[in-house]
Amino acid sequence: MILRRALAAFAFLAALAAHALSVATYNVENYLVADRMVEGVFRKEYPKPEAEKRALRQAIKAMAPDILAVQEMGRAPFLEELQRDLKAEGLDYPHAVVLEAADPDRHVAVLSKLPFKGVREHARIPVKYLGQSDVVKRGLLEATFATREGDLTVFVVHLKSRRTERPDDPEGAAQRAAEAEAVRDAVLERFPDPAGGRFIVCGDWNDTRNSKPVRTLAKRGGTVVGEILRAYDSRGETWTHAYRREDTYSRIDYLMVSPGLKPFVRNKGNARIHDGPGVRDASDHRPVYAQFDLTPVP
């Protein structure tokens, strides 16, 4: 009798675990052809080194998220390469999309085990930047998935970096804030009532939690767009980006969930920062992932 009860309890817990849908966001650091340092030598127009690619796949396989939002991806052939190499090593993402926006080199993308119910590519979201008309450089990628609890939508955004040649906008702060406002408004256009929507806004936002761009993405007036999930690694540390030149660490990568999705977040409403083998060699960012009590529709 005791054994039967134990087996029944185990089966129940296994069934619950099977219903957890996982979503990760990962800046894969220049998965493209770019000028870079390779083993102490400066290389022009050089692909991401194979050692970094192997480490990247190792990190992704350790998490094995159902949905992987990617930043700093090259054009479609680069995403196809990652997709193909992961499959060869036992992790299949049969569904993929990359958004080619105004930035000609670095793109946002999604790899998914689940079929897309819908994809919207917001490639040219207009912004006003220092009195001039511009666009969100990397755009906004929107992917929707069907679950038995209702649709889940994932928005992927990579805001302007702190590198800039404009002396009138130190560290690109004004451009980042303008992009954040435009992205937030695009999300609210799709979900005017975030409390009734189940969506995630995620990616590399290139700023810290209390900065204007991050606060802008999370709220408009009295409307709460989403809540940024707190995230920790296995040691309780919260950084996601290592600035190697300055030897500094900060949190600039986020998973933000709508009020309507928050009750479905596992792990007491927290996300996790992956810090397993390979992650420090794969990228200058560490991935953030979370599990949700959502059951995908086959």
Foldseek 3Di string as FASTA:
>chain_A
DVVVVVVVVVVVVVVQVQLKAKEKEEEQAQQAFAFDADPNDTDGRHGDDPLLLVLVLVLCVVVLGQKYKYKNAFPPVSVVVSQVVNVVVPRHQPDKDWACAQQNGMEIMMGHPADFPDKDWQRFQWFQFPNDIGGQRHGKIWTWFQFPVGIEIEIEHAHDALDDPDPVQHRVLRRLLRHLLSVLVVLCVVPVQLLQDWYKYWYFSNDACPRNSNVNNQDDVPHGNWAWAQEAEPVRDGFFAAPPVVRDTGHGTTITTGSNQQVFWPPNSHKYWYDDGSQVSNHRGTMIMTIGSTHGDD
